Amino acid sequence: MIRGWTAVIVFTTLAVVMMVGLNVRMWRRMKAATAAAKAEAEREEREAVETGQNPTPRSA
């Protein structure tokens, strides 16, 4: 059985590893969602130009 400071170090290390993994997963999801939104906006803008409609202005 792990006792004392060794247990503190082990459990803290495990918690840090889990939090880093969670943050990486969330960052990848956010990155994918942002890319999908940009692609959809570009597609809508392209369709508006092709049909002769005025594309909606978007902020930079």
PDB file of N, CA and C in Angstrom:
ATOM      1  N   MET A   1       0.841  -1.185   0.000  1.00  0.00           N
ATOM      2  CA  MET A   1       0.000   0.000   0.000  1.00  0.00           C
ATOM      3  C   MET A   1       0.883   1.244   0.000  1.00  0.00           C
ATOM      4  N   ILE A   2       0.494   2.215  -0.808  1.00  0.00           N
ATOM      5  CA  ILE A   2       1.244   3.468  -0.898  1.00  0.00           C
ATOM      6  C   ILE A   2       0.799   4.382   0.241  1.00  0.00           C
ATOM      7  N   ARG A   3       1.779   4.974   0.936  1.00  0.00           N
ATOM      8  CA  ARG A   3       1.447   5.832   2.074  1.00  0.00           C
ATOM      9  C   ARG A   3       2.214   7.139   2.015  1.00  0.00           C
ATOM     10  N   GLY A   4       1.700   8.111   2.706  1.00  0.00           N
ATOM     11  CA  GLY A   4       2.406   9.369   2.913  1.00  0.00           C
ATOM     12  C   GLY A   4       2.580  10.193   1.650  1.00  0.00           C
ATOM     13  N   TRP A   5       3.773  10.801   1.551  1.00  0.00           N
ATOM     14  CA  TRP A   5       4.064  11.696   0.441  1.00  0.00           C
ATOM     15  C   TRP A   5       4.074  10.984  -0.897  1.00  0.00           C
ATOM     16  N   THR A   6       4.419   9.716  -0.894  1.00  0.00           N
ATOM     17  CA  THR A   6       4.406   8.960  -2.149  1.00  0.00           C
ATOM     18  C   THR A   6       2.995   8.917  -2.718  1.00  0.00           C
ATOM     19  N   ALA A   7       2.004   8.695  -1.856  1.00  0.00           N
ATOM     20  CA  ALA A   7       0.611   8.661  -2.306  1.00  0.00           C
ATOM     21  C   ALA A   7       0.181  10.024  -2.840  1.00  0.00           C
ATOM     22  N   VAL A   8       0.597  11.080  -2.162  1.00  0.00           N
ATOM     23  CA  VAL A   8       0.246  12.429  -2.611  1.00  0.00           C
ATOM     24  C   VAL A   8       0.814  12.687  -3.998  1.00  0.00           C
ATOM     25  N   ILE A   9       2.066  12.323  -4.199  1.00  0.00           N
ATOM     26  CA  ILE A   9       2.718  12.526  -5.495  1.00  0.00           C
ATOM     27  C   ILE A   9       2.037  11.696  -6.576  1.00  0.00           C
ATOM     28  N   VAL A  10       1.748  10.433  -6.287  1.00  0.00           N
ATOM     29  CA  VAL A  10       1.119   9.552  -7.272  1.00  0.00           C
ATOM     30  C   VAL A  10      -0.261  10.076  -7.658  1.00  0.00           C
ATOM     31  N   PHE A  11      -1.085  10.395  -6.685  1.00  0.00           N
ATOM     32  CA  PHE A  11      -2.440  10.856  -6.984  1.00  0.00           C
ATOM     33  C   PHE A  11      -2.446  12.215  -7.676  1.00  0.00           C
ATOM     34  N   THR A  12      -1.536  13.096  -7.281  1.00  0.00           N
ATOM     35  CA  THR A  12      -1.441  14.395  -7.944  1.00  0.00           C
ATOM     36  C   THR A  12      -1.016  14.223  -9.395  1.00  0.00           C
ATOM     37  N   THR A  13      -0.058  13.344  -9.636  1.00  0.00           N
ATOM     38  CA  THR A  13       0.394  13.081 -11.001  1.00  0.00           C
ATOM     39  C   THR A  13      -0.737  12.520 -11.845  1.00  0.00           C
ATOM     40  N   LEU A  14      -1.483  11.578 -11.302  1.00  0.00           N
ATOM     41  CA  LEU A  14      -2.619  11.017 -12.039  1.00  0.00           C
ATOM     42  C   LEU A  14      -3.659  12.088 -12.356  1.00  0.00           C
ATOM     43  N   ALA A  15      -3.939  12.956 -11.393  1.00  0.00           N
ATOM     44  CA  ALA A  15      -4.916  14.023 -11.617  1.00  0.00           C
ATOM     45  C   ALA A  15      -4.443  14.980 -12.709  1.00  0.00           C
ATOM     46  N   VAL A  16      -3.160  15.331 -12.690  1.00  0.00           N
ATOM     47  CA  VAL A  16      -2.617  16.235 -13.705  1.00  0.00           C
ATOM     48  C   VAL A  16      -2.693  15.595 -15.082  1.00  0.00           C
ATOM     49  N   VAL A  17      -2.339  14.324 -15.188  1.00  0.00           N
ATOM     50  CA  VAL A  17      -2.393  13.624 -16.475  1.00  0.00           C
ATOM     51  C   VAL A  17      -3.826  13.590 -17.001  1.00  0.00           C
ATOM     52  N   MET A  18      -4.783  13.314 -16.128  1.00  0.00           N
ATOM     53  CA  MET A  18      -6.182  13.274 -16.557  1.00  0.00           C
ATOM     54  C   MET A  18      -6.656  14.650 -17.013  1.00  0.00           C
ATOM     55  N   MET A  19      -6.282  15.701 -16.303  1.00  0.00           N
ATOM     56  CA  MET A  19      -6.708  17.050 -16.679  1.00  0.00           C
ATOM     57  C   MET A  19      -6.075  17.486 -17.999  1.00  0.00           C
ATOM     58  N   VAL A  20      -4.819  17.146 -18.217  1.00  0.00           N
ATOM     59  CA  VAL A  20      -4.173  17.482 -19.485  1.00  0.00           C
ATOM     60  C   VAL A  20      -4.870  16.751 -20.625  1.00  0.00           C
ATOM     61  N   GLY A  21      -5.174  15.480 -20.435  1.00  0.00           N
ATOM     62  CA  GLY A  21      -5.887  14.718 -21.461  1.00  0.00           C
ATOM     63  C   GLY A  21      -7.247  15.311 -21.768  1.00  0.00           C
ATOM     64  N   LEU A  22      -7.964  15.734 -20.739  1.00  0.00           N
ATOM     65  CA  LEU A  22      -9.278  16.348 -20.933  1.00  0.00           C
ATOM     66  C   LEU A  22      -9.151  17.661 -21.691  1.00  0.00           C
ATOM     67  N   ASN A  23      -8.167  18.477 -21.333  1.00  0.00           N
ATOM     68  CA  ASN A  23      -7.978  19.756 -22.017  1.00  0.00           C
ATOM     69  C   ASN A  23      -7.605  19.561 -23.478  1.00  0.00           C
ATOM     70  N   VAL A  24      -6.774  18.579 -23.777  1.00  0.00           N
ATOM     71  CA  VAL A  24      -6.393  18.311 -25.163  1.00  0.00           C
ATOM     72  C   VAL A  24      -7.617  17.884 -25.963  1.00  0.00           C
ATOM     73  N   ARG A  25      -8.429  17.019 -25.381  1.00  0.00           N
ATOM     74  CA  ARG A  25      -9.634  16.550 -26.069  1.00  0.00           C
ATOM     75  C   ARG A  25     -10.593  17.711 -26.337  1.00  0.00           C
ATOM     76  N   MET A  26     -10.774  18.577 -25.346  1.00  0.00           N
ATOM     77  CA  MET A  26     -11.669  19.726 -25.521  1.00  0.00           C
ATOM     78  C   MET A  26     -11.113  20.699 -26.561  1.00  0.00           C
ATOM     79  N   TRP A  27      -9.798  20.898 -26.577  1.00  0.00           N
ATOM     80  CA  TRP A  27      -9.181  21.797 -27.548  1.00  0.00           C
ATOM     81  C   TRP A  27      -9.366  21.265 -28.966  1.00  0.00           C
ATOM     82  N   ARG A  28      -9.195  19.957 -29.142  1.00  0.00           N
ATOM     83  CA  ARG A  28      -9.390  19.363 -30.469  1.00  0.00           C
ATOM     84  C   ARG A  28     -10.833  19.504 -30.931  1.00  0.00           C
ATOM     85  N   ARG A  29     -11.788  19.297 -30.022  1.00  0.00           N
ATOM     86  CA  ARG A  29     -13.204  19.467 -30.360  1.00  0.00           C
ATOM     87  C   ARG A  29     -13.501  20.897 -30.772  1.00  0.00           C
ATOM     88  N   MET A  30     -12.968  21.849 -30.017  1.00  0.00           N
ATOM     89  CA  MET A  30     -13.194  23.259 -30.309  1.00  0.00           C
ATOM     90  C   MET A  30     -12.589  23.623 -31.660  1.00  0.00           C
ATOM     91  N   LYS A  31     -11.402  23.116 -31.932  1.00  0.00           N
ATOM     92  CA  LYS A  31     -10.728  23.394 -33.199  1.00  0.00           C
ATOM     93  C   LYS A  31     -11.541  22.843 -34.370  1.00  0.00           C
ATOM     94  N   ALA A  32     -12.064  21.626 -34.226  1.00  0.00           N
ATOM     95  CA  ALA A  32     -12.872  21.020 -35.285  1.00  0.00           C
ATOM     96  C   ALA A  32     -14.169  21.801 -35.493  1.00  0.00           C
ATOM     97  N   ALA A  33     -14.797  22.225 -34.414  1.00  0.00           N
ATOM     98  CA  ALA A  33     -16.046  22.983 -34.527  1.00  0.00           C
ATOM     99  C   ALA A  33     -15.806  24.331 -35.205  1.00  0.00           C
ATOM    100  N   THR A  34     -14.691  24.977 -34.884  1.00  0.00           N
ATOM    101  CA  THR A  34     -14.365  26.256 -35.503  1.00  0.00           C
ATOM    102  C   THR A  34     -14.112  26.083 -36.994  1.00  0.00           C
ATOM    103  N   ALA A  35     -13.384  25.043 -37.362  1.00  0.00           N
ATOM    104  CA  ALA A  35     -13.107  24.785 -38.775  1.00  0.00           C
ATOM    105  C   ALA A  35     -14.402  24.496 -39.531  1.00  0.00           C
ATOM    106  N   ALA A  36     -15.299  23.735 -38.932  1.00  0.00           N
ATOM    107  CA  ALA A  36     -16.573  23.416 -39.579  1.00  0.00           C
ATOM    108  C   ALA A  36     -17.413  24.677 -39.765  1.00  0.00           C
ATOM    109  N   ALA A  37     -17.433  25.544 -38.768  1.00  0.00           N
ATOM    110  CA  ALA A  37     -18.204  26.785 -38.871  1.00  0.00           C
ATOM    111  C   ALA A  37     -17.638  27.699 -39.955  1.00  0.00           C
ATOM    112  N   LYS A  38     -16.324  27.779 -40.046  1.00  0.00           N
ATOM    113  CA  LYS A  38     -15.702  28.602 -41.090  1.00  0.00           C
ATOM    114  C   LYS A  38     -16.021  28.050 -42.472  1.00  0.00           C
ATOM    115  N   ALA A  39     -15.943  26.733 -42.625  1.00  0.00           N
ATOM    116  CA  ALA A  39     -16.241  26.119 -43.918  1.00  0.00           C
ATOM    117  C   ALA A  39     -17.692  26.369 -44.313  1.00  0.00           C
ATOM    118  N   GLU A  40     -18.601  26.268 -43.359  1.00  0.00           N
ATOM    119  CA  GLU A  40     -20.015  26.507 -43.660  1.00  0.00           C
ATOM    120  C   GLU A  40     -20.255  27.966 -44.040  1.00  0.00           C
ATOM    121  N   ALA A  41     -19.614  28.890 -43.348  1.00  0.00           N
ATOM    122  CA  ALA A  41     -19.769  30.310 -43.662  1.00  0.00           C
ATOM    123  C   ALA A  41     -19.233  30.616 -45.058  1.00  0.00           C
ATOM    124  N   GLU A  42     -18.099  30.036 -45.408  1.00  0.00           N
ATOM    125  CA  GLU A  42     -17.536  30.244 -46.743  1.00  0.00           C
ATOM    126  C   GLU A  42     -18.441  29.656 -47.816  1.00  0.00           C
ATOM    127  N   ARG A  43     -19.025  28.492 -47.537  1.00  0.00           N
ATOM    128  CA  ARG A  43     -19.933  27.862 -48.496  1.00  0.00           C
ATOM    129  C   ARG A  43     -21.173  28.730 -48.702  1.00  0.00           C
ATOM    130  N   GLU A  44     -21.740  29.242 -47.619  1.00  0.00           N
ATOM    131  CA  GLU A  44     -22.920  30.099 -47.727  1.00  0.00           C
ATOM    132  C   GLU A  44     -22.597  31.383 -48.481  1.00  0.00           C
ATOM    133  N   GLU A  45     -21.427  31.942 -48.228  1.00  0.00           N
ATOM    134  CA  GLU A  45     -21.035  33.164 -48.925  1.00  0.00           C
ATOM    135  C   GLU A  45     -20.849  32.896 -50.416  1.00  0.00           C
ATOM    136  N   ARG A  46     -20.231  31.777 -50.740  1.00  0.00           N
ATOM    137  CA  ARG A  46     -20.018  31.414 -52.135  1.00  0.00           C
ATOM    138  C   ARG A  46     -21.356  31.199 -52.847  1.00  0.00           C
ATOM    139  N   GLU A  47     -22.297  30.521 -52.186  1.00  0.00           N
ATOM    140  CA  GLU A  47     -23.616  30.300 -52.779  1.00  0.00           C
ATOM    141  C   GLU A  47     -24.349  31.616 -52.986  1.00  0.00           C
ATOM    142  N   ALA A  48     -24.211  32.549 -52.054  1.00  0.00           N
ATOM    143  CA  ALA A  48     -24.865  33.848 -52.185  1.00  0.00           C
ATOM    144  C   ALA A  48     -24.303  34.618 -53.373  1.00  0.00           C
ATOM    145  N   VAL A  49     -23.007  34.546 -53.573  1.00  0.00           N
ATOM    146  CA  VAL A  49     -22.379  35.241 -54.699  1.00  0.00           C
ATOM    147  C   VAL A  49     -22.819  34.604 -56.013  1.00  0.00           C
ATOM    148  N   GLU A  50     -22.885  33.277 -56.055  1.00  0.00           N
ATOM    149  CA  GLU A  50     -23.281  32.583 -57.283  1.00  0.00           C
ATOM    150  C   GLU A  50     -24.724  32.881 -57.667  1.00  0.00           C
ATOM    151  N   THR A  51     -25.590  33.043 -56.695  1.00  0.00           N
ATOM    152  CA  THR A  51     -26.997  33.315 -56.990  1.00  0.00           C
ATOM    153  C   THR A  51     -27.273  34.802 -57.146  1.00  0.00           C
ATOM    154  N   GLY A  52     -26.272  35.636 -56.945  1.00  0.00           N
ATOM    155  CA  GLY A  52     -26.421  37.067 -57.128  1.00  0.00           C
ATOM    156  C   GLY A  52     -26.981  37.791 -55.927  1.00  0.00           C
ATOM    157  N   GLN A  53     -27.085  37.117 -54.811  1.00  0.00           N
ATOM    158  CA  GLN A  53     -27.574  37.764 -53.598  1.00  0.00           C
ATOM    159  C   GLN A  53     -26.425  38.507 -52.933  1.00  0.00           C
ATOM    160  N   ASN A  54     -26.790  39.480 -52.121  1.00  0.00           N
ATOM    161  CA  ASN A  54     -25.776  40.232 -51.388  1.00  0.00           C
ATOM    162  C   ASN A  54     -25.325  39.395 -50.195  1.00  0.00           C
ATOM    163  N   PRO A  55     -24.052  38.994 -50.128  1.00  0.00           N
ATOM    164  CA  PRO A  55     -23.607  38.193 -48.981  1.00  0.00           C
ATOM    165  C   PRO A  55     -23.690  38.999 -47.691  1.00  0.00           C
ATOM    166  N   THR A  56     -24.009  38.320 -46.633  1.00  0.00           N
ATOM    167  CA  THR A  56     -24.130  38.996 -45.346  1.00  0.00           C
ATOM    168  C   THR A  56     -22.754  39.446 -44.880  1.00  0.00           C
ATOM    169  N   PRO A  57     -22.631  40.694 -44.427  1.00  0.00           N
ATOM    170  CA  PRO A  57     -21.318  41.150 -43.943  1.00  0.00           C
ATOM    171  C   PRO A  57     -20.975  40.453 -42.634  1.00  0.00           C
ATOM    172  N   ARG A  58     -19.720  40.156 -42.473  1.00  0.00           N
ATOM    173  CA  ARG A  58     -19.283  39.521 -41.232  1.00  0.00           C
ATOM    174  C   ARG A  58     -18.096  40.279 -40.683  1.00  0.00           C
ATOM    175  N   SER A  59     -17.963  40.237 -39.392  1.00  0.00           N
ATOM    176  CA  SER A  59     -16.870  40.962 -38.757  1.00  0.00           C
ATOM    177  C   SER A  59     -15.573  40.179 -38.891  1.00  0.00           C
ATOM    178  N   ALA A  60     -14.469  40.878 -38.797  1.00  0.00           N
ATOM    179  CA  ALA A  60     -13.162  40.240 -38.973  1.00  0.00           C
ATOM    180  C   ALA A  60     -12.748  39.441 -37.802  1.00  0.00           C
TER     181      ALA A  60
END
